[in-house]
């Protein structure tokens, strides 16, 4: 089972590719992996920001690409999609990849 550090390392090593192929401006980990509370069945929650708007198909292609890259189910969300009651908590705990 990967750790938050493992995921961060892998995303960091592919950040240039994610920027060039998908227009990713920022990407970060939140949820159980960010809190080091993950379990074998946990998915990987990622918050992504784009430099320009992307369509649904491109968004889903990025999610599939990240699942292949990380070898786990990924739940990909944008800041605009965060529900008000959960958004602050997520933004407080997100660990952005540098």
N, C-alpha and C. Protein backbone atom coordinates (compact mmCIF):
# COMPACT_ATOMS: atom_id res chain seq x y z
N UNK A 1 0.86 -1.18 0.00
CA UNK A 1 0.00 0.00 0.00
C UNK A 1 0.90 1.24 0.00
N UNK A 2 0.70 2.14 -0.94
CA UNK A 2 1.55 3.34 -1.00
C UNK A 2 1.26 4.29 0.16
N UNK A 3 2.24 5.10 0.48
CA UNK A 3 2.08 6.15 1.50
C UNK A 3 1.90 7.49 0.80
N UNK A 4 1.58 8.50 1.57
CA UNK A 4 1.47 9.86 1.02
C UNK A 4 2.79 10.28 0.38
N UNK A 5 3.90 9.94 1.03
CA UNK A 5 5.21 10.29 0.47
C UNK A 5 5.46 9.58 -0.86
N UNK A 6 5.06 8.31 -0.97
CA UNK A 6 5.21 7.56 -2.22
C UNK A 6 4.44 8.25 -3.35
N UNK A 7 3.20 8.63 -3.05
CA UNK A 7 2.34 9.27 -4.05
C UNK A 7 2.91 10.64 -4.43
N UNK A 8 3.34 11.40 -3.44
CA UNK A 8 3.93 12.71 -3.70
C UNK A 8 5.15 12.58 -4.60
N UNK A 9 6.00 11.63 -4.30
CA UNK A 9 7.22 11.40 -5.08
C UNK A 9 6.88 11.06 -6.53
N UNK A 10 5.93 10.16 -6.70
CA UNK A 10 5.55 9.76 -8.06
C UNK A 10 4.93 10.92 -8.83
N UNK A 11 4.05 11.67 -8.19
CA UNK A 11 3.43 12.83 -8.85
C UNK A 11 4.48 13.89 -9.18
N UNK A 12 5.40 14.12 -8.25
CA UNK A 12 6.48 15.09 -8.49
C UNK A 12 7.29 14.70 -9.72
N UNK A 13 7.60 13.43 -9.85
CA UNK A 13 8.40 12.96 -10.98
C UNK A 13 7.65 13.03 -12.31
N UNK A 14 6.33 13.15 -12.27
CA UNK A 14 5.52 13.22 -13.50
C UNK A 14 4.85 14.58 -13.66
N UNK A 15 5.23 15.55 -12.84
CA UNK A 15 4.56 16.85 -12.86
C UNK A 15 4.70 17.57 -14.20
N UNK A 16 5.88 17.52 -14.79
CA UNK A 16 6.08 18.17 -16.09
C UNK A 16 5.16 17.54 -17.13
N UNK A 17 5.08 16.23 -17.14
CA UNK A 17 4.20 15.52 -18.07
C UNK A 17 2.74 15.90 -17.83
N UNK A 18 2.31 15.96 -16.58
CA UNK A 18 0.92 16.31 -16.26
C UNK A 18 0.61 17.74 -16.70
N UNK A 19 1.58 18.61 -16.57
CA UNK A 19 1.39 20.00 -17.01
C UNK A 19 1.28 20.09 -18.53
N UNK A 20 2.19 19.41 -19.22
CA UNK A 20 2.22 19.49 -20.68
C UNK A 20 1.04 18.76 -21.33
N UNK A 21 0.72 17.58 -20.86
CA UNK A 21 -0.32 16.77 -21.51
C UNK A 21 -1.74 17.14 -21.09
N UNK A 22 -1.89 17.60 -19.83
CA UNK A 22 -3.24 17.81 -19.32
C UNK A 22 -3.51 19.23 -18.83
N UNK A 23 -2.51 20.10 -18.85
CA UNK A 23 -2.70 21.47 -18.40
C UNK A 23 -2.82 21.64 -16.90
N UNK A 24 -2.28 20.66 -16.14
CA UNK A 24 -2.34 20.73 -14.68
C UNK A 24 -1.45 21.87 -14.19
N UNK A 25 -2.04 22.74 -13.38
CA UNK A 25 -1.27 23.83 -12.78
C UNK A 25 -0.80 23.44 -11.38
N UNK A 26 -1.71 22.86 -10.59
CA UNK A 26 -1.38 22.40 -9.24
C UNK A 26 -2.10 21.09 -8.99
N UNK A 27 -1.45 20.21 -8.21
CA UNK A 27 -2.10 18.97 -7.82
C UNK A 27 -1.67 18.65 -6.39
N UNK A 28 -2.63 18.20 -5.60
CA UNK A 28 -2.34 17.89 -4.20
C UNK A 28 -3.15 16.71 -3.70
N UNK A 29 -2.67 16.14 -2.63
CA UNK A 29 -3.30 14.97 -2.00
C UNK A 29 -4.09 15.45 -0.79
N UNK A 30 -5.30 14.91 -0.62
CA UNK A 30 -6.07 15.18 0.58
C UNK A 30 -6.75 13.88 1.00
N UNK A 31 -7.50 13.92 2.06
CA UNK A 31 -8.22 12.73 2.51
C UNK A 31 -7.34 11.80 3.33
N UNK A 32 -7.70 10.53 3.31
CA UNK A 32 -7.04 9.56 4.20
C UNK A 32 -5.54 9.46 3.96
N UNK A 33 -5.10 9.56 2.71
CA UNK A 33 -3.66 9.48 2.45
C UNK A 33 -2.92 10.69 3.00
N UNK A 34 -3.50 11.87 2.91
CA UNK A 34 -2.87 13.07 3.45
C UNK A 34 -2.78 13.02 4.96
N UNK A 35 -3.75 12.34 5.58
CA UNK A 35 -3.78 12.21 7.05
C UNK A 35 -3.05 10.96 7.54
N UNK A 36 -2.48 10.19 6.61
CA UNK A 36 -1.84 8.90 6.93
C UNK A 36 -2.79 7.96 7.66
N UNK A 37 -4.05 7.96 7.20
CA UNK A 37 -5.09 7.08 7.76
C UNK A 37 -5.61 6.12 6.70
N UNK A 38 -4.88 5.96 5.60
CA UNK A 38 -5.34 5.13 4.50
C UNK A 38 -5.41 3.66 4.92
N UNK A 39 -6.32 2.96 4.24
CA UNK A 39 -6.48 1.52 4.42
C UNK A 39 -6.35 0.88 3.04
N UNK A 40 -6.21 -0.43 2.98
CA UNK A 40 -6.03 -1.08 1.67
C UNK A 40 -7.11 -0.73 0.66
N UNK A 41 -8.34 -0.52 1.11
CA UNK A 41 -9.43 -0.22 0.18
C UNK A 41 -9.59 1.27 -0.11
N UNK A 42 -8.77 2.12 0.50
CA UNK A 42 -8.88 3.57 0.30
C UNK A 42 -8.51 3.97 -1.13
N UNK A 43 -9.28 4.93 -1.66
CA UNK A 43 -8.88 5.53 -2.93
C UNK A 43 -7.96 6.71 -2.61
N UNK A 44 -7.36 7.26 -3.66
CA UNK A 44 -6.46 8.40 -3.49
C UNK A 44 -7.22 9.65 -3.92
N UNK A 45 -7.41 10.57 -2.97
CA UNK A 45 -8.12 11.81 -3.24
C UNK A 45 -7.12 12.87 -3.69
N UNK A 46 -7.35 13.42 -4.88
CA UNK A 46 -6.46 14.43 -5.43
C UNK A 46 -7.25 15.68 -5.80
N UNK A 47 -6.70 16.82 -5.42
CA UNK A 47 -7.26 18.12 -5.79
C UNK A 47 -6.41 18.67 -6.91
N UNK A 48 -7.04 19.02 -8.02
CA UNK A 48 -6.29 19.48 -9.19
C UNK A 48 -6.80 20.85 -9.63
N UNK A 49 -5.86 21.70 -10.02
CA UNK A 49 -6.18 23.00 -10.60
C UNK A 49 -5.54 23.07 -11.97
N UNK A 50 -6.29 23.61 -12.93
CA UNK A 50 -5.83 23.70 -14.31
C UNK A 50 -5.51 25.14 -14.66
N UNK A 51 -4.57 25.31 -15.59
CA UNK A 51 -4.22 26.64 -16.07
C UNK A 51 -5.32 27.27 -16.89
N UNK A 52 -6.13 26.43 -17.54
CA UNK A 52 -7.27 26.89 -18.32
C UNK A 52 -8.36 25.83 -18.23
N UNK A 53 -9.60 26.18 -18.53
CA UNK A 53 -10.68 25.21 -18.41
C UNK A 53 -10.44 23.96 -19.27
N UNK A 54 -10.82 22.82 -18.71
CA UNK A 54 -10.74 21.56 -19.46
C UNK A 54 -12.13 20.95 -19.50
N UNK A 55 -12.40 20.21 -20.53
CA UNK A 55 -13.69 19.55 -20.67
C UNK A 55 -13.76 18.26 -19.88
N UNK A 56 -14.97 17.70 -19.86
CA UNK A 56 -15.22 16.47 -19.11
C UNK A 56 -14.35 15.32 -19.59
N UNK A 57 -14.24 15.15 -20.90
CA UNK A 57 -13.46 14.04 -21.46
C UNK A 57 -12.00 14.14 -21.03
N UNK A 58 -11.44 15.33 -21.15
CA UNK A 58 -10.03 15.53 -20.78
C UNK A 58 -9.83 15.29 -19.28
N UNK A 59 -10.78 15.73 -18.48
CA UNK A 59 -10.74 15.52 -17.03
C UNK A 59 -10.73 14.03 -16.71
N UNK A 60 -11.60 13.28 -17.38
CA UNK A 60 -11.67 11.83 -17.16
C UNK A 60 -10.42 11.12 -17.67
N UNK A 61 -9.83 11.63 -18.74
CA UNK A 61 -8.57 11.06 -19.23
C UNK A 61 -7.46 11.25 -18.20
N UNK A 62 -7.43 12.42 -17.58
CA UNK A 62 -6.43 12.67 -16.54
C UNK A 62 -6.65 11.73 -15.36
N UNK A 63 -7.89 11.57 -14.94
CA UNK A 63 -8.18 10.67 -13.82
C UNK A 63 -7.72 9.25 -14.14
N UNK A 64 -8.01 8.76 -15.34
CA UNK A 64 -7.58 7.42 -15.74
C UNK A 64 -6.06 7.32 -15.79
N UNK A 65 -5.41 8.36 -16.30
CA UNK A 65 -3.95 8.38 -16.36
C UNK A 65 -3.35 8.30 -14.95
N UNK A 66 -3.91 9.05 -14.02
CA UNK A 66 -3.42 9.05 -12.65
C UNK A 66 -3.64 7.69 -11.98
N UNK A 67 -4.77 7.05 -12.28
CA UNK A 67 -5.03 5.72 -11.73
C UNK A 67 -3.99 4.73 -12.24
N UNK A 68 -3.68 4.79 -13.52
CA UNK A 68 -2.64 3.92 -14.08
C UNK A 68 -1.28 4.22 -13.44
N UNK A 69 -0.97 5.48 -13.30
CA UNK A 69 0.31 5.91 -12.75
C UNK A 69 0.48 5.46 -11.29
N UNK A 70 -0.58 5.62 -10.50
CA UNK A 70 -0.50 5.36 -9.07
C UNK A 70 -0.91 3.94 -8.69
N UNK A 71 -1.56 3.24 -9.60
CA UNK A 71 -1.95 1.86 -9.33
C UNK A 71 -3.08 1.71 -8.33
N UNK A 72 -3.87 2.75 -8.13
CA UNK A 72 -5.01 2.75 -7.21
C UNK A 72 -6.12 3.59 -7.81
N UNK A 73 -7.35 3.37 -7.32
CA UNK A 73 -8.47 4.21 -7.74
C UNK A 73 -8.21 5.63 -7.25
N UNK A 74 -8.46 6.59 -8.13
CA UNK A 74 -8.25 8.01 -7.83
C UNK A 74 -9.59 8.73 -7.86
N UNK A 75 -9.81 9.58 -6.87
CA UNK A 75 -10.97 10.48 -6.86
C UNK A 75 -10.40 11.87 -7.10
N UNK A 76 -10.63 12.39 -8.29
CA UNK A 76 -10.06 13.66 -8.73
C UNK A 76 -11.12 14.75 -8.64
N UNK A 77 -10.80 15.85 -7.96
CA UNK A 77 -11.74 16.96 -7.84
C UNK A 77 -11.02 18.28 -8.08
N UNK A 78 -11.79 19.29 -8.45
CA UNK A 78 -11.27 20.65 -8.61
C UNK A 78 -11.77 21.50 -7.44
N UNK A 79 -11.11 22.60 -7.13
CA UNK A 79 -11.59 23.46 -6.04
C UNK A 79 -13.03 23.93 -6.25
N UNK A 80 -13.42 24.20 -7.49
CA UNK A 80 -14.79 24.66 -7.76
C UNK A 80 -15.83 23.59 -7.46
N UNK A 81 -15.44 22.33 -7.51
CA UNK A 81 -16.38 21.23 -7.28
C UNK A 81 -16.55 20.91 -5.79
N UNK A 82 -15.76 21.53 -4.93
CA UNK A 82 -15.84 21.24 -3.50
C UNK A 82 -17.14 21.78 -2.92
N UNK A 83 -17.78 20.98 -2.13
CA UNK A 83 -19.00 21.41 -1.45
C UNK A 83 -18.60 22.34 -0.30
N UNK A 84 -19.38 23.40 -0.08
CA UNK A 84 -19.00 24.40 0.93
C UNK A 84 -18.67 23.80 2.31
N UNK A 85 -19.46 22.83 2.76
CA UNK A 85 -19.24 22.29 4.10
C UNK A 85 -17.98 21.42 4.19
N UNK A 86 -17.47 20.94 3.07
CA UNK A 86 -16.27 20.10 3.06
C UNK A 86 -15.06 20.86 2.52
N UNK A 87 -15.29 21.89 1.75
CA UNK A 87 -14.22 22.57 1.05
C UNK A 87 -13.13 23.13 1.95
N UNK A 88 -13.52 23.76 3.05
CA UNK A 88 -12.52 24.35 3.94
C UNK A 88 -11.63 23.28 4.54
N UNK A 89 -12.21 22.18 4.99
CA UNK A 89 -11.42 21.09 5.58
C UNK A 89 -10.44 20.53 4.56
N UNK A 90 -10.92 20.33 3.34
CA UNK A 90 -10.06 19.79 2.28
C UNK A 90 -8.93 20.76 1.97
N UNK A 91 -9.25 22.03 1.83
CA UNK A 91 -8.22 23.03 1.52
C UNK A 91 -7.20 23.16 2.66
N UNK A 92 -7.64 22.91 3.89
CA UNK A 92 -6.73 22.97 5.03
C UNK A 92 -5.77 21.78 5.07
N UNK A 93 -6.23 20.62 4.59
CA UNK A 93 -5.38 19.42 4.72
C UNK A 93 -4.63 19.05 3.44
N UNK A 94 -4.95 19.68 2.32
CA UNK A 94 -4.32 19.29 1.06
C UNK A 94 -2.82 19.49 1.12
N UNK A 95 -2.10 18.53 0.57
CA UNK A 95 -0.64 18.59 0.48
C UNK A 95 -0.29 18.70 -0.99
N UNK A 96 0.06 19.91 -1.40
CA UNK A 96 0.38 20.13 -2.81
C UNK A 96 1.74 19.56 -3.17
N UNK A 97 1.83 19.05 -4.37
CA UNK A 97 3.08 18.50 -4.89
C UNK A 97 3.89 19.65 -5.46
N UNK A 98 5.13 19.74 -5.08
CA UNK A 98 6.01 20.82 -5.54
C UNK A 98 6.86 20.35 -6.69
